[in-house]
Amino acid sequence: MKNILVLCTGNSCRSQLAEGYLRFFAGDKANIYSAGIETHGVNPKAIQVMAEDHIDISKHTSNHVDEYVNILFDYVITVCDNANEACPFFPGNVQRFHHNFPDPAKAKGTPEEILNEFRNVRDIIKAYSANFVKQHIG
């Protein structure tokens, strides 16, 4: 069983979306965790756009990376440049991956335009997650 950590700045949007999709695509083949360099709480719009795609992340929590120091990870995926630069050292044979996804929490415009940005980022992360599982988990 592989252990995968998704790391972001605040563990509120992008890492939560990725955790939801990696869990969905990996099923029982991997343990998926997400954390932040800080904790900002799970963004309600992230919960909403995942529910639109029939994935419930409403019970997810915003966790700090320090909570997982005793887990040996196989993969660490940073989903923003800040987390990539601030990523702590993980012991063992950890493979690190990085993809700087746009931050939907910084979207501007009408409520619908902001929600559409969340949907766009969700779809990008969904494709990334499906591909990651296909390539690395099987």
C-alpha atoms as a PDB file:
ATOM      1  CA  MET A   1       0.000   0.000   0.000  1.00  0.00           C
ATOM      2  CA  LYS A   2       1.478   3.328  -1.102  1.00  0.00           C
ATOM      3  CA  ASN A   3       1.351   6.446   1.092  1.00  0.00           C
ATOM      4  CA  ILE A   4       0.791   9.690  -0.793  1.00  0.00           C
ATOM      5  CA  LEU A   5       0.902  13.196   0.655  1.00  0.00           C
ATOM      6  CA  VAL A   6      -0.498  16.192  -1.214  1.00  0.00           C
ATOM      7  CA  LEU A   7       1.031  19.405   0.099  1.00  0.00           C
ATOM      8  CA  CYS A   8      -0.150  22.982  -0.408  1.00  0.00           C
ATOM      9  CA  THR A   9       0.156  26.284   1.409  1.00  0.00           C
ATOM     10  CA  GLY A  10      -3.045  26.246   3.461  1.00  0.00           C
ATOM     11  CA  ASN A  11      -4.590  22.821   2.800  1.00  0.00           C
ATOM     12  CA  SER A  12      -7.862  24.506   1.880  1.00  0.00           C
ATOM     13  CA  CYS A  13      -8.433  24.149  -1.891  1.00  0.00           C
ATOM     14  CA  ARG A  14      -5.978  22.560  -4.307  1.00  0.00           C
ATOM     15  CA  SER A  15      -4.629  19.897  -1.952  1.00  0.00           C
ATOM     16  CA  GLN A  16      -8.176  19.061  -0.845  1.00  0.00           C
ATOM     17  CA  LEU A  17      -9.312  18.638  -4.451  1.00  0.00           C
ATOM     18  CA  ALA A  18      -6.295  16.444  -5.191  1.00  0.00           C
ATOM     19  CA  GLU A  19      -6.838  14.356  -2.054  1.00  0.00           C
ATOM     20  CA  GLY A  20     -10.450  13.742  -3.086  1.00  0.00           C
ATOM     21  CA  TYR A  21      -9.563  12.684  -6.618  1.00  0.00           C
ATOM     22  CA  LEU A  22      -6.513  10.623  -5.660  1.00  0.00           C
ATOM     23  CA  ARG A  23      -8.672   8.728  -3.146  1.00  0.00           C
ATOM     24  CA  PHE A  24     -11.296   8.185  -5.837  1.00  0.00           C
ATOM     25  CA  PHE A  25      -8.888   6.979  -8.521  1.00  0.00           C
ATOM     26  CA  ALA A  26      -6.549   4.966  -6.259  1.00  0.00           C
ATOM     27  CA  GLY A  27      -9.319   3.277  -4.297  1.00  0.00           C
ATOM     28  CA  ASP A  28      -7.829   0.811  -1.824  1.00  0.00           C
ATOM     29  CA  LYS A  29      -4.394   0.816  -3.506  1.00  0.00           C
ATOM     30  CA  ALA A  30      -3.049   3.852  -1.618  1.00  0.00           C
ATOM     31  CA  ASN A  31      -3.421   5.887   1.550  1.00  0.00           C
ATOM     32  CA  ILE A  32      -3.958   9.513   0.610  1.00  0.00           C
ATOM     33  CA  TYR A  33      -3.200  12.424   2.930  1.00  0.00           C
ATOM     34  CA  SER A  34      -3.204  16.167   2.397  1.00  0.00           C
ATOM     35  CA  ALA A  35      -1.602  18.897   4.450  1.00  0.00           C
ATOM     36  CA  GLY A  36      -0.469  22.466   4.374  1.00  0.00           C
ATOM     37  CA  ILE A  37       2.519  24.474   5.444  1.00  0.00           C
ATOM     38  CA  GLU A  38      -0.253  26.357   7.299  1.00  0.00           C
ATOM     39  CA  THR A  39      -3.908  25.431   7.909  1.00  0.00           C
ATOM     40  CA  HIS A  40      -6.707  27.605   6.581  1.00  0.00           C
ATOM     41  CA  GLY A  41      -9.722  25.269   6.840  1.00  0.00           C
ATOM     42  CA  VAL A  42     -11.391  23.538   3.907  1.00  0.00           C
ATOM     43  CA  ASN A  43     -12.788  26.074   1.448  1.00  0.00           C
ATOM     44  CA  PRO A  44     -16.590  25.722   1.098  1.00  0.00           C
ATOM     45  CA  LYS A  45     -16.361  26.303  -2.661  1.00  0.00           C
ATOM     46  CA  ALA A  46     -13.942  23.369  -2.962  1.00  0.00           C
ATOM     47  CA  ILE A  47     -16.496  21.200  -1.167  1.00  0.00           C
ATOM     48  CA  GLN A  48     -19.237  22.513  -3.472  1.00  0.00           C
ATOM     49  CA  VAL A  49     -17.464  21.887  -6.787  1.00  0.00           C
ATOM     50  CA  MET A  50     -16.365  18.403  -5.705  1.00  0.00           C
ATOM     51  CA  ALA A  51     -19.974  17.586  -4.741  1.00  0.00           C
ATOM     52  CA  GLU A  52     -20.975  18.632  -8.269  1.00  0.00           C
ATOM     53  CA  ASP A  53     -18.694  15.807  -9.468  1.00  0.00           C
ATOM     54  CA  HIS A  54     -20.153  13.384  -6.888  1.00  0.00           C
ATOM     55  CA  ILE A  55     -17.130  13.389  -4.573  1.00  0.00           C
ATOM     56  CA  ASP A  56     -17.757  14.274  -0.945  1.00  0.00           C
ATOM     57  CA  ILE A  57     -14.894  16.092   0.758  1.00  0.00           C
ATOM     58  CA  SER A  58     -17.133  17.744   3.358  1.00  0.00           C
ATOM     59  CA  LYS A  59     -15.580  15.639   6.134  1.00  0.00           C
ATOM     60  CA  HIS A  60     -11.995  16.530   5.149  1.00  0.00           C
ATOM     61  CA  THR A  61      -9.983  18.511   7.649  1.00  0.00           C
ATOM     62  CA  SER A  62      -7.250  21.074   7.101  1.00  0.00           C
ATOM     63  CA  ASN A  63      -4.081  19.496   8.464  1.00  0.00           C
ATOM     64  CA  HIS A  64      -0.585  20.794   9.119  1.00  0.00           C
ATOM     65  CA  VAL A  65       2.291  18.887   7.543  1.00  0.00           C
ATOM     66  CA  ASP A  66       3.852  18.348  10.981  1.00  0.00           C
ATOM     67  CA  GLU A  67       0.946  16.027  11.852  1.00  0.00           C
ATOM     68  CA  TYR A  68       2.378  13.422   9.470  1.00  0.00           C
ATOM     69  CA  VAL A  69       6.026  13.278  10.558  1.00  0.00           C
ATOM     70  CA  ASN A  70       5.713   9.615  11.552  1.00  0.00           C
ATOM     71  CA  ILE A  71       4.352   8.401   8.213  1.00  0.00           C
ATOM     72  CA  LEU A  72       6.763   7.069   5.616  1.00  0.00           C
ATOM     73  CA  PHE A  73       5.535   8.503   2.327  1.00  0.00           C
ATOM     74  CA  ASP A  74       6.220   6.960  -1.050  1.00  0.00           C
ATOM     75  CA  TYR A  75       5.144  10.084  -2.914  1.00  0.00           C
ATOM     76  CA  VAL A  76       4.844  13.753  -1.990  1.00  0.00           C
ATOM     77  CA  ILE A  77       3.002  15.957  -4.466  1.00  0.00           C
ATOM     78  CA  THR A  78       3.281  19.712  -4.015  1.00  0.00           C
ATOM     79  CA  VAL A  79       0.448  21.557  -5.743  1.00  0.00           C
ATOM     80  CA  CYS A  80       1.714  25.126  -5.452  1.00  0.00           C
ATOM     81  CA  ASP A  81       5.094  26.818  -5.757  1.00  0.00           C
ATOM     82  CA  ASN A  82       5.042  28.048  -2.157  1.00  0.00           C
ATOM     83  CA  ALA A  83       4.626  24.518  -0.787  1.00  0.00           C
ATOM     84  CA  ASN A  84       7.299  23.239  -3.157  1.00  0.00           C
ATOM     85  CA  GLU A  85       9.786  25.820  -1.871  1.00  0.00           C
ATOM     86  CA  ALA A  86       8.833  25.295   1.786  1.00  0.00           C
ATOM     87  CA  CYS A  87       8.470  21.516   1.578  1.00  0.00           C
ATOM     88  CA  PRO A  88      10.121  19.878   4.565  1.00  0.00           C
ATOM     89  CA  PHE A  89      12.452  16.909   4.320  1.00  0.00           C
ATOM     90  CA  PHE A  90      10.728  13.538   4.359  1.00  0.00           C
ATOM     91  CA  PRO A  91      12.826  10.521   5.373  1.00  0.00           C
ATOM     92  CA  GLY A  92      13.039   7.370   3.316  1.00  0.00           C
ATOM     93  CA  ASN A  93      12.787   6.783  -0.384  1.00  0.00           C
ATOM     94  CA  VAL A  94      10.278   9.528  -1.163  1.00  0.00           C
ATOM     95  CA  GLN A  95       9.572  10.559  -4.735  1.00  0.00           C
ATOM     96  CA  ARG A  96       8.587  14.216  -5.009  1.00  0.00           C
ATOM     97  CA  PHE A  97       6.366  15.637  -7.707  1.00  0.00           C
ATOM     98  CA  HIS A  98       5.393  19.240  -8.296  1.00  0.00           C
ATOM     99  CA  HIS A  99       2.647  20.914 -10.273  1.00  0.00           C
ATOM    100  CA  ASN A 100       1.756  24.555  -9.662  1.00  0.00           C
ATOM    101  CA  PHE A 101      -2.026  24.591 -10.083  1.00  0.00           C
ATOM    102  CA  PRO A 102      -3.796  27.965 -10.227  1.00  0.00           C
ATOM    103  CA  ASP A 103      -5.233  29.054  -6.874  1.00  0.00           C
ATOM    104  CA  PRO A 104      -9.026  29.315  -7.247  1.00  0.00           C
ATOM    105  CA  ALA A 105      -9.276  31.102  -3.886  1.00  0.00           C
ATOM    106  CA  LYS A 106      -7.615  34.091  -5.557  1.00  0.00           C
ATOM    107  CA  ALA A 107     -10.225  34.282  -8.339  1.00  0.00           C
ATOM    108  CA  LYS A 108     -11.916  37.629  -8.865  1.00  0.00           C
ATOM    109  CA  GLY A 109     -15.232  38.512 -10.442  1.00  0.00           C
ATOM    110  CA  THR A 110     -18.871  37.667  -9.935  1.00  0.00           C
ATOM    111  CA  PRO A 111     -19.821  34.747  -7.696  1.00  0.00           C
ATOM    112  CA  GLU A 112     -20.444  32.648 -10.823  1.00  0.00           C
ATOM    113  CA  GLU A 113     -17.074  33.602 -12.359  1.00  0.00           C
ATOM    114  CA  ILE A 114     -15.312  32.653  -9.123  1.00  0.00           C
ATOM    115  CA  LEU A 115     -17.169  29.337  -8.974  1.00  0.00           C
ATOM    116  CA  ASN A 116     -16.236  28.671 -12.594  1.00  0.00           C
ATOM    117  CA  GLU A 117     -12.565  29.157 -11.692  1.00  0.00           C
ATOM    118  CA  PHE A 118     -12.971  26.566  -8.927  1.00  0.00           C
ATOM    119  CA  ARG A 119     -14.523  24.222 -11.500  1.00  0.00           C
ATOM    120  CA  ASN A 120     -11.683  24.821 -13.968  1.00  0.00           C
ATOM    121  CA  VAL A 121      -9.024  24.080 -11.348  1.00  0.00           C
ATOM    122  CA  ARG A 122     -11.018  21.060 -10.173  1.00  0.00           C
ATOM    123  CA  ASP A 123     -11.027  19.644 -13.695  1.00  0.00           C
ATOM    124  CA  ILE A 124      -7.281  20.223 -14.139  1.00  0.00           C
ATOM    125  CA  ILE A 125      -6.566  18.501 -10.818  1.00  0.00           C
ATOM    126  CA  LYS A 126      -8.935  15.644 -11.697  1.00  0.00           C
ATOM    127  CA  ALA A 127      -7.006  14.946 -14.917  1.00  0.00           C
ATOM    128  CA  TYR A 128      -3.662  15.210 -13.111  1.00  0.00           C
ATOM    129  CA  SER A 129      -4.830  12.845 -10.356  1.00  0.00           C
ATOM    130  CA  ALA A 130      -6.173  10.238 -12.778  1.00  0.00           C
ATOM    131  CA  ASN A 131      -2.915  10.306 -14.710  1.00  0.00           C
ATOM    132  CA  PHE A 132      -0.810  10.137 -11.523  1.00  0.00           C
ATOM    133  CA  VAL A 133      -2.650   7.050 -10.293  1.00  0.00           C
ATOM    134  CA  LYS A 134      -2.409   5.399 -13.699  1.00  0.00           C
ATOM    135  CA  GLN A 135       1.358   6.013 -13.898  1.00  0.00           C
ATOM    136  CA  HIS A 136       2.387   5.371 -10.289  1.00  0.00           C
ATOM    137  CA  ILE A 137      -0.230   3.256  -8.534  1.00  0.00           C
ATOM    138  CA  GLY A 138      -1.599   1.061 -11.305  1.00  0.00           C
END
